[in-house]
Amino acid sequence: MTQIINKQFDGTRKAIFVINFTIASTTAETYEIVPSALNNSKGFATGATANSGDICTMLTINKVWWSVNNTAVVKPLKIDWKATTNKLALTCNYADSKDFSTIGGLLNSTIGDGGSTGGVEVKFTSVTNDDTASLVLELLKSY
């Protein structure tokens, strides 16, 4: 199992992650992006202090690029909205990209359902050794 996570940017309104998975030992890979664990510097942008109490509560998918090399196409890379019961946001196979910026991003469908964390979970469901997945995820933050 190899999981390389690189937080490229974590600003006031946006975060960008580069995520690479390589399957080994037939173990699927999962990574969760927790909104409250991100840089919460909204206060500085509005002239408030570091103790303004503003924390990121929800993430929206703005843009996504991926490349998936999996032996079984029925075991793709999945992006879920994190909640008590996760909901699928995107399924990613082969190589492609999506840009939701013209509609304000792909909104989290678990908000209001109860049990939502506002976060995103990335899962590479393949269990075949040496299968790989790479993902660049641009997220918008809500406070």
N, C-alpha and C. Protein backbone atom coordinates (compact mmCIF):
# COMPACT_ATOMS: atom_id res chain seq x y z
N MET A 1 0.85 -1.17 0.00
CA MET A 1 0.00 0.00 0.00
C MET A 1 0.89 1.23 0.00
N THR A 2 0.66 2.08 -0.95
CA THR A 2 1.34 3.37 -0.98
C THR A 2 0.29 4.44 -1.17
N GLN A 3 0.35 5.42 -0.29
CA GLN A 3 -0.60 6.52 -0.34
C GLN A 3 0.21 7.79 -0.17
N ILE A 4 0.22 8.64 -1.19
CA ILE A 4 0.95 9.90 -1.12
C ILE A 4 -0.06 11.02 -1.25
N ILE A 5 -0.15 11.83 -0.19
CA ILE A 5 -1.09 12.95 -0.15
C ILE A 5 -0.29 14.24 -0.10
N ASN A 6 -0.56 15.16 -0.99
CA ASN A 6 0.14 16.43 -1.01
C ASN A 6 -0.90 17.55 -1.04
N LYS A 7 -0.95 18.32 0.03
CA LYS A 7 -1.84 19.48 0.06
C LYS A 7 -1.09 20.61 -0.64
N GLN A 8 -1.43 20.87 -1.90
CA GLN A 8 -0.75 21.86 -2.72
C GLN A 8 -1.03 23.28 -2.28
N PHE A 9 -2.27 23.51 -1.85
CA PHE A 9 -2.69 24.87 -1.50
C PHE A 9 -3.82 24.78 -0.48
N ASP A 10 -3.79 25.64 0.50
CA ASP A 10 -4.85 25.69 1.50
C ASP A 10 -5.07 27.14 1.88
N GLY A 11 -5.91 27.81 1.12
CA GLY A 11 -6.15 29.24 1.32
C GLY A 11 -7.47 29.52 1.99
N THR A 12 -7.86 30.76 1.95
CA THR A 12 -9.07 31.22 2.61
C THR A 12 -10.33 30.57 2.04
N ARG A 13 -10.42 30.47 0.73
CA ARG A 13 -11.65 29.97 0.09
C ARG A 13 -11.45 28.67 -0.67
N LYS A 14 -10.21 28.19 -0.80
CA LYS A 14 -9.95 27.05 -1.67
C LYS A 14 -8.85 26.18 -1.08
N ALA A 15 -8.93 24.86 -1.34
CA ALA A 15 -7.85 23.92 -1.01
C ALA A 15 -7.64 23.01 -2.21
N ILE A 16 -6.39 22.69 -2.48
CA ILE A 16 -6.06 21.81 -3.61
C ILE A 16 -5.21 20.66 -3.09
N PHE A 17 -5.64 19.43 -3.38
CA PHE A 17 -4.95 18.22 -2.96
C PHE A 17 -4.50 17.43 -4.19
N VAL A 18 -3.31 16.83 -4.09
CA VAL A 18 -2.84 15.86 -5.07
C VAL A 18 -2.74 14.54 -4.31
N ILE A 19 -3.45 13.52 -4.80
CA ILE A 19 -3.54 12.24 -4.10
C ILE A 19 -3.11 11.13 -5.06
N ASN A 20 -2.17 10.29 -4.62
CA ASN A 20 -1.69 9.16 -5.42
C ASN A 20 -1.81 7.88 -4.60
N PHE A 21 -2.43 6.87 -5.19
CA PHE A 21 -2.57 5.57 -4.55
C PHE A 21 -1.90 4.50 -5.42
N THR A 22 -1.21 3.57 -4.78
CA THR A 22 -0.73 2.35 -5.43
C THR A 22 -1.14 1.19 -4.56
N ILE A 23 -1.82 0.23 -5.14
CA ILE A 23 -2.31 -0.92 -4.38
C ILE A 23 -1.18 -1.92 -4.18
N ALA A 24 -1.05 -2.39 -2.96
CA ALA A 24 -0.12 -3.47 -2.60
C ALA A 24 -0.78 -4.28 -1.50
N SER A 25 -0.50 -5.52 -1.46
CA SER A 25 -1.09 -6.42 -0.44
C SER A 25 -2.60 -6.48 -0.56
N THR A 26 -3.11 -6.26 -1.75
CA THR A 26 -4.55 -6.33 -2.04
C THR A 26 -5.41 -5.59 -1.02
N THR A 27 -5.00 -4.37 -0.69
CA THR A 27 -5.73 -3.54 0.27
C THR A 27 -6.21 -2.28 -0.42
N ALA A 28 -7.50 -2.02 -0.39
CA ALA A 28 -8.06 -0.79 -0.97
C ALA A 28 -7.56 0.41 -0.17
N GLU A 29 -7.58 1.59 -0.77
CA GLU A 29 -7.07 2.81 -0.15
C GLU A 29 -8.19 3.80 0.08
N THR A 30 -8.12 4.50 1.22
CA THR A 30 -9.10 5.52 1.56
C THR A 30 -8.40 6.72 2.18
N TYR A 31 -8.84 7.93 1.83
CA TYR A 31 -8.31 9.15 2.45
C TYR A 31 -9.47 10.11 2.66
N GLU A 32 -9.57 10.67 3.85
CA GLU A 32 -10.65 11.61 4.17
C GLU A 32 -10.11 13.02 4.33
N ILE A 33 -10.78 13.97 3.72
CA ILE A 33 -10.45 15.39 3.88
C ILE A 33 -11.49 15.99 4.81
N VAL A 34 -11.04 16.39 5.98
CA VAL A 34 -11.92 16.91 7.03
C VAL A 34 -11.89 18.44 6.97
N PRO A 35 -13.05 19.09 6.78
CA PRO A 35 -13.08 20.55 6.64
C PRO A 35 -12.44 21.30 7.80
N SER A 36 -12.73 20.91 9.03
CA SER A 36 -12.23 21.65 10.18
C SER A 36 -10.72 21.50 10.37
N ALA A 37 -10.10 20.52 9.70
CA ALA A 37 -8.66 20.33 9.80
C ALA A 37 -7.89 21.19 8.81
N LEU A 38 -8.60 21.88 7.93
CA LEU A 38 -7.94 22.74 6.94
C LEU A 38 -7.62 24.09 7.56
N ASN A 39 -6.81 24.87 6.83
CA ASN A 39 -6.48 26.23 7.24
C ASN A 39 -7.77 27.03 7.35
N ASN A 40 -8.03 27.59 8.51
CA ASN A 40 -9.26 28.35 8.72
C ASN A 40 -8.93 29.82 8.95
N SER A 41 -8.36 30.45 7.92
CA SER A 41 -7.90 31.83 8.05
C SER A 41 -8.91 32.84 7.52
N LYS A 42 -10.19 32.46 7.47
CA LYS A 42 -11.21 33.36 6.95
C LYS A 42 -11.20 34.69 7.70
N GLY A 43 -10.96 34.63 9.00
CA GLY A 43 -10.95 35.85 9.81
C GLY A 43 -9.98 36.88 9.31
N PHE A 44 -8.82 36.47 8.86
CA PHE A 44 -7.83 37.42 8.38
C PHE A 44 -8.29 38.10 7.10
N ALA A 45 -9.03 37.37 6.27
CA ALA A 45 -9.51 37.95 5.02
C ALA A 45 -10.56 39.01 5.26
N THR A 46 -11.29 38.91 6.38
CA THR A 46 -12.34 39.88 6.66
C THR A 46 -11.92 40.91 7.70
N GLY A 47 -10.62 40.88 8.09
CA GLY A 47 -10.12 41.85 9.05
C GLY A 47 -10.31 41.43 10.49
N ALA A 48 -10.82 40.24 10.74
CA ALA A 48 -10.99 39.77 12.11
C ALA A 48 -9.66 39.21 12.63
N THR A 49 -9.66 38.74 13.84
CA THR A 49 -8.45 38.18 14.43
C THR A 49 -8.40 36.68 14.22
N ALA A 50 -7.29 36.07 14.63
CA ALA A 50 -7.13 34.62 14.49
C ALA A 50 -8.14 33.87 15.36
N ASN A 51 -8.69 34.51 16.36
CA ASN A 51 -9.64 33.87 17.26
C ASN A 51 -11.09 34.19 16.90
N SER A 52 -11.34 34.46 15.64
CA SER A 52 -12.69 34.86 15.22
C SER A 52 -13.70 33.73 15.33
N GLY A 53 -13.24 32.48 15.47
CA GLY A 53 -14.16 31.35 15.61
C GLY A 53 -14.65 30.78 14.31
N ASP A 54 -14.22 31.34 13.19
CA ASP A 54 -14.65 30.82 11.89
C ASP A 54 -13.89 29.55 11.56
N ILE A 55 -14.62 28.46 11.31
CA ILE A 55 -13.99 27.23 10.86
C ILE A 55 -14.71 26.73 9.62
N CYS A 56 -13.98 26.08 8.76
CA CYS A 56 -14.56 25.51 7.54
C CYS A 56 -15.49 24.37 7.96
N THR A 57 -16.72 24.41 7.45
CA THR A 57 -17.71 23.39 7.83
C THR A 57 -18.14 22.50 6.66
N MET A 58 -17.86 22.94 5.43
CA MET A 58 -18.30 22.16 4.28
C MET A 58 -17.36 22.38 3.10
N LEU A 59 -17.15 21.31 2.33
CA LEU A 59 -16.34 21.39 1.12
C LEU A 59 -17.21 21.14 -0.11
N THR A 60 -16.90 21.86 -1.18
CA THR A 60 -17.57 21.72 -2.46
C THR A 60 -16.52 21.36 -3.50
N ILE A 61 -16.80 20.41 -4.36
CA ILE A 61 -15.85 20.04 -5.41
C ILE A 61 -15.97 21.05 -6.55
N ASN A 62 -14.87 21.77 -6.80
CA ASN A 62 -14.87 22.77 -7.85
C ASN A 62 -14.34 22.20 -9.17
N LYS A 63 -13.17 21.53 -9.09
CA LYS A 63 -12.56 20.90 -10.26
C LYS A 63 -11.88 19.62 -9.82
N VAL A 64 -11.79 18.66 -10.74
CA VAL A 64 -11.12 17.40 -10.44
C VAL A 64 -10.49 16.83 -11.71
N TRP A 65 -9.26 16.34 -11.58
CA TRP A 65 -8.55 15.67 -12.66
C TRP A 65 -8.12 14.31 -12.13
N TRP A 66 -8.21 13.26 -12.96
CA TRP A 66 -7.79 11.94 -12.47
C TRP A 66 -7.22 11.09 -13.59
N SER A 67 -6.42 10.11 -13.15
CA SER A 67 -5.90 9.06 -14.01
C SER A 67 -5.92 7.78 -13.19
N VAL A 68 -6.65 6.78 -13.66
CA VAL A 68 -6.82 5.53 -12.93
C VAL A 68 -6.36 4.38 -13.82
N ASN A 69 -5.44 3.59 -13.31
CA ASN A 69 -4.95 2.41 -14.00
C ASN A 69 -5.32 1.21 -13.14
N ASN A 70 -6.50 0.64 -13.41
CA ASN A 70 -6.98 -0.48 -12.60
C ASN A 70 -7.26 -1.68 -13.48
N THR A 71 -6.95 -2.84 -12.94
CA THR A 71 -7.14 -4.09 -13.68
C THR A 71 -8.62 -4.37 -13.92
N ALA A 72 -9.44 -4.09 -12.90
CA ALA A 72 -10.89 -4.33 -13.01
C ALA A 72 -11.62 -2.98 -13.01
N VAL A 73 -12.24 -2.66 -14.15
CA VAL A 73 -12.92 -1.36 -14.25
C VAL A 73 -14.11 -1.25 -13.28
N VAL A 74 -14.53 -2.36 -12.71
CA VAL A 74 -15.61 -2.32 -11.73
C VAL A 74 -15.09 -1.92 -10.33
N LYS A 75 -13.78 -1.64 -10.23
CA LYS A 75 -13.17 -1.20 -8.97
C LYS A 75 -12.53 0.18 -9.20
N PRO A 76 -13.34 1.22 -9.37
CA PRO A 76 -12.82 2.53 -9.73
C PRO A 76 -12.35 3.35 -8.52
N LEU A 77 -11.94 4.56 -8.80
CA LEU A 77 -11.68 5.56 -7.78
C LEU A 77 -13.00 6.26 -7.52
N LYS A 78 -13.39 6.36 -6.26
CA LYS A 78 -14.67 7.00 -5.92
C LYS A 78 -14.43 8.18 -4.98
N ILE A 79 -15.21 9.21 -5.19
CA ILE A 79 -15.20 10.37 -4.30
C ILE A 79 -16.58 10.45 -3.66
N ASP A 80 -16.60 10.35 -2.34
CA ASP A 80 -17.86 10.36 -1.58
C ASP A 80 -17.97 11.60 -0.74
N TRP A 81 -19.21 12.02 -0.51
CA TRP A 81 -19.50 13.03 0.52
C TRP A 81 -19.53 12.27 1.84
N LYS A 82 -18.73 12.71 2.79
CA LYS A 82 -18.58 11.99 4.06
C LYS A 82 -19.74 12.30 5.00
N ALA A 83 -20.38 11.25 5.50
CA ALA A 83 -21.49 11.37 6.44
C ALA A 83 -21.64 10.04 7.17
N THR A 84 -22.63 9.95 8.06
CA THR A 84 -22.91 8.68 8.72
C THR A 84 -23.10 7.60 7.66
N THR A 85 -23.85 7.92 6.61
CA THR A 85 -23.95 7.08 5.43
C THR A 85 -23.46 7.92 4.26
N ASN A 86 -22.26 7.59 3.76
CA ASN A 86 -21.68 8.36 2.67
C ASN A 86 -22.57 8.35 1.43
N LYS A 87 -22.46 9.43 0.64
CA LYS A 87 -23.15 9.50 -0.65
C LYS A 87 -22.11 9.72 -1.74
N LEU A 88 -22.30 9.03 -2.84
CA LEU A 88 -21.37 9.13 -3.95
C LEU A 88 -21.43 10.51 -4.59
N ALA A 89 -20.25 11.12 -4.77
CA ALA A 89 -20.17 12.39 -5.49
C ALA A 89 -19.73 12.14 -6.93
N LEU A 90 -18.65 11.36 -7.11
CA LEU A 90 -18.13 11.07 -8.45
C LEU A 90 -17.51 9.68 -8.49
N THR A 91 -17.60 9.04 -9.64
CA THR A 91 -16.87 7.81 -9.91
C THR A 91 -15.86 8.13 -11.01
N CYS A 92 -14.60 7.76 -10.78
CA CYS A 92 -13.53 8.11 -11.71
C CYS A 92 -12.84 6.86 -12.23
N ASN A 93 -12.87 6.67 -13.53
CA ASN A 93 -12.17 5.57 -14.19
C ASN A 93 -11.40 6.14 -15.37
N TYR A 94 -10.35 5.47 -15.79
CA TYR A 94 -9.51 5.88 -16.91
C TYR A 94 -8.88 7.24 -16.61
N ALA A 95 -8.90 8.17 -17.52
CA ALA A 95 -8.33 9.50 -17.29
C ALA A 95 -9.32 10.54 -17.81
N ASP A 96 -9.60 11.53 -16.99
CA ASP A 96 -10.58 12.55 -17.38
C ASP A 96 -10.48 13.71 -16.40
N SER A 97 -11.33 14.69 -16.60
CA SER A 97 -11.41 15.83 -15.70
C SER A 97 -12.83 16.38 -15.73
N LYS A 98 -13.19 17.06 -14.68
CA LYS A 98 -14.49 17.72 -14.59
C LYS A 98 -14.28 19.10 -14.00
N ASP A 99 -14.99 20.07 -14.54
CA ASP A 99 -14.92 21.45 -14.06
C ASP A 99 -16.34 21.90 -13.72
N PHE A 100 -16.60 22.05 -12.43
CA PHE A 100 -17.92 22.48 -11.97
C PHE A 100 -17.93 23.96 -11.58
N SER A 101 -16.87 24.68 -11.92
CA SER A 101 -16.74 26.07 -11.48
C SER A 101 -17.81 27.00 -12.06
N THR A 102 -18.32 26.69 -13.24
CA THR A 102 -19.32 27.56 -13.85
C THR A 102 -20.67 27.49 -13.14
N ILE A 103 -20.87 26.44 -12.33
CA ILE A 103 -22.13 26.31 -11.58
C ILE A 103 -21.90 26.47 -10.07
N GLY A 104 -20.70 26.98 -9.71
CA GLY A 104 -20.41 27.21 -8.30
C GLY A 104 -19.91 25.98 -7.57
N GLY A 105 -19.56 24.93 -8.31
CA GLY A 105 -19.04 23.71 -7.71
C GLY A 105 -20.12 22.66 -7.55
N LEU A 106 -19.67 21.42 -7.34
CA LEU A 106 -20.58 20.30 -7.09
C LEU A 106 -20.88 20.29 -5.60
N LEU A 107 -22.13 20.61 -5.25
CA LEU A 107 -22.50 20.78 -3.85
C LEU A 107 -22.63 19.45 -3.12
N ASN A 108 -22.29 19.48 -1.84
CA ASN A 108 -22.36 18.31 -0.98
C ASN A 108 -23.82 17.93 -0.75
N SER A 109 -24.19 16.74 -1.22
CA SER A 109 -25.60 16.32 -1.14
C SER A 109 -25.98 15.74 0.22
N THR A 110 -25.02 15.63 1.15
CA THR A 110 -25.36 15.09 2.49
C THR A 110 -25.76 16.19 3.47
N ILE A 111 -25.53 17.44 3.11
CA ILE A 111 -25.86 18.53 4.02
C ILE A 111 -27.37 18.56 4.23
N GLY A 112 -27.78 18.61 5.49
CA GLY A 112 -29.19 18.62 5.83
C GLY A 112 -29.76 17.24 6.09
N ASP A 113 -28.98 16.19 5.78
CA ASP A 113 -29.45 14.83 5.99
C ASP A 113 -29.20 14.33 7.41
N GLY A 114 -28.40 15.05 8.16
CA GLY A 114 -28.01 14.58 9.48
C GLY A 114 -26.82 13.64 9.36
N GLY A 115 -25.85 13.81 10.23
CA GLY A 115 -24.67 12.97 10.21
C GLY A 115 -23.62 13.38 9.21
N SER A 116 -23.80 14.50 8.52
CA SER A 116 -22.83 14.96 7.54
C SER A 116 -21.65 15.62 8.24
N THR A 117 -20.43 15.33 7.74
CA THR A 117 -19.24 16.00 8.27
C THR A 117 -18.87 17.20 7.40
N GLY A 118 -19.49 17.31 6.22
CA GLY A 118 -19.13 18.37 5.29
C GLY A 118 -17.87 18.05 4.51
N GLY A 119 -17.29 16.87 4.78
CA GLY A 119 -16.02 16.49 4.17
C GLY A 119 -16.16 15.61 2.95
N VAL A 120 -14.99 15.20 2.47
CA VAL A 120 -14.88 14.39 1.26
C VAL A 120 -14.03 13.17 1.59
N GLU A 121 -14.44 12.01 1.08
CA GLU A 121 -13.65 10.80 1.24
C GLU A 121 -13.30 10.25 -0.13
N VAL A 122 -12.02 10.01 -0.36
CA VAL A 122 -11.53 9.46 -1.62
C VAL A 122 -11.21 8.00 -1.39
N LYS A 123 -11.80 7.11 -2.21
CA LYS A 123 -11.59 5.67 -2.05
C LYS A 123 -11.16 5.06 -3.39
N PHE A 124 -10.04 4.34 -3.34
CA PHE A 124 -9.62 3.56 -4.51
C PHE A 124 -9.96 2.12 -4.16
N THR A 125 -11.01 1.60 -4.78
CA THR A 125 -11.59 0.32 -4.38
C THR A 125 -10.88 -0.89 -4.98
N SER A 126 -9.89 -0.66 -5.84
CA SER A 126 -9.16 -1.78 -6.43
C SER A 126 -8.40 -2.55 -5.34
N VAL A 127 -8.29 -3.85 -5.53
CA VAL A 127 -7.50 -4.68 -4.62
C VAL A 127 -6.49 -5.53 -5.40
N THR A 128 -6.12 -5.06 -6.59
CA THR A 128 -5.15 -5.77 -7.42
C THR A 128 -3.80 -5.06 -7.29
N ASN A 129 -2.78 -5.80 -6.89
CA ASN A 129 -1.45 -5.22 -6.70
C ASN A 129 -0.99 -4.45 -7.93
N ASP A 130 -0.36 -3.32 -7.68
CA ASP A 130 0.22 -2.43 -8.69
C ASP A 130 -0.80 -1.60 -9.46
N ASP A 131 -2.07 -1.69 -9.16
CA ASP A 131 -3.04 -0.75 -9.73
C ASP A 131 -2.76 0.62 -9.12
N THR A 132 -2.96 1.67 -9.92
CA THR A 132 -2.64 3.02 -9.45
C THR A 132 -3.78 3.99 -9.75
N ALA A 133 -3.83 5.04 -8.95
CA ALA A 133 -4.79 6.12 -9.18
C ALA A 133 -4.14 7.44 -8.76
N SER A 134 -4.31 8.46 -9.57
CA SER A 134 -3.82 9.80 -9.26
C SER A 134 -4.99 10.77 -9.40
N LEU A 135 -5.04 11.71 -8.48
CA LEU A 135 -6.18 12.62 -8.43
C LEU A 135 -5.71 14.00 -8.01
N VAL A 136 -6.19 15.03 -8.71
CA VAL A 136 -6.01 16.41 -8.27
C VAL A 136 -7.41 16.94 -7.99
N LEU A 137 -7.60 17.40 -6.78
CA LEU A 137 -8.93 17.80 -6.31
C LEU A 137 -8.88 19.25 -5.84
N GLU A 138 -9.66 20.11 -6.49
CA GLU A 138 -9.77 21.51 -6.09
C GLU A 138 -11.10 21.67 -5.36
N LEU A 139 -11.02 22.06 -4.09
CA LEU A 139 -12.21 22.16 -3.24
C LEU A 139 -12.44 23.61 -2.84
N LEU A 140 -13.71 23.98 -2.77
CA LEU A 140 -14.08 25.29 -2.25
C LEU A 140 -14.54 25.11 -0.81
N LYS A 141 -14.22 26.10 0.03
CA LYS A 141 -14.55 26.02 1.45
C LYS A 141 -15.77 26.89 1.76
N SER A 142 -16.60 26.38 2.67
CA SER A 142 -17.74 27.15 3.20
C SER A 142 -17.57 27.25 4.70
N TYR A 143 -17.93 28.39 5.24
CA TYR A 143 -17.79 28.65 6.69
C TYR A 143 -19.14 28.81 7.33
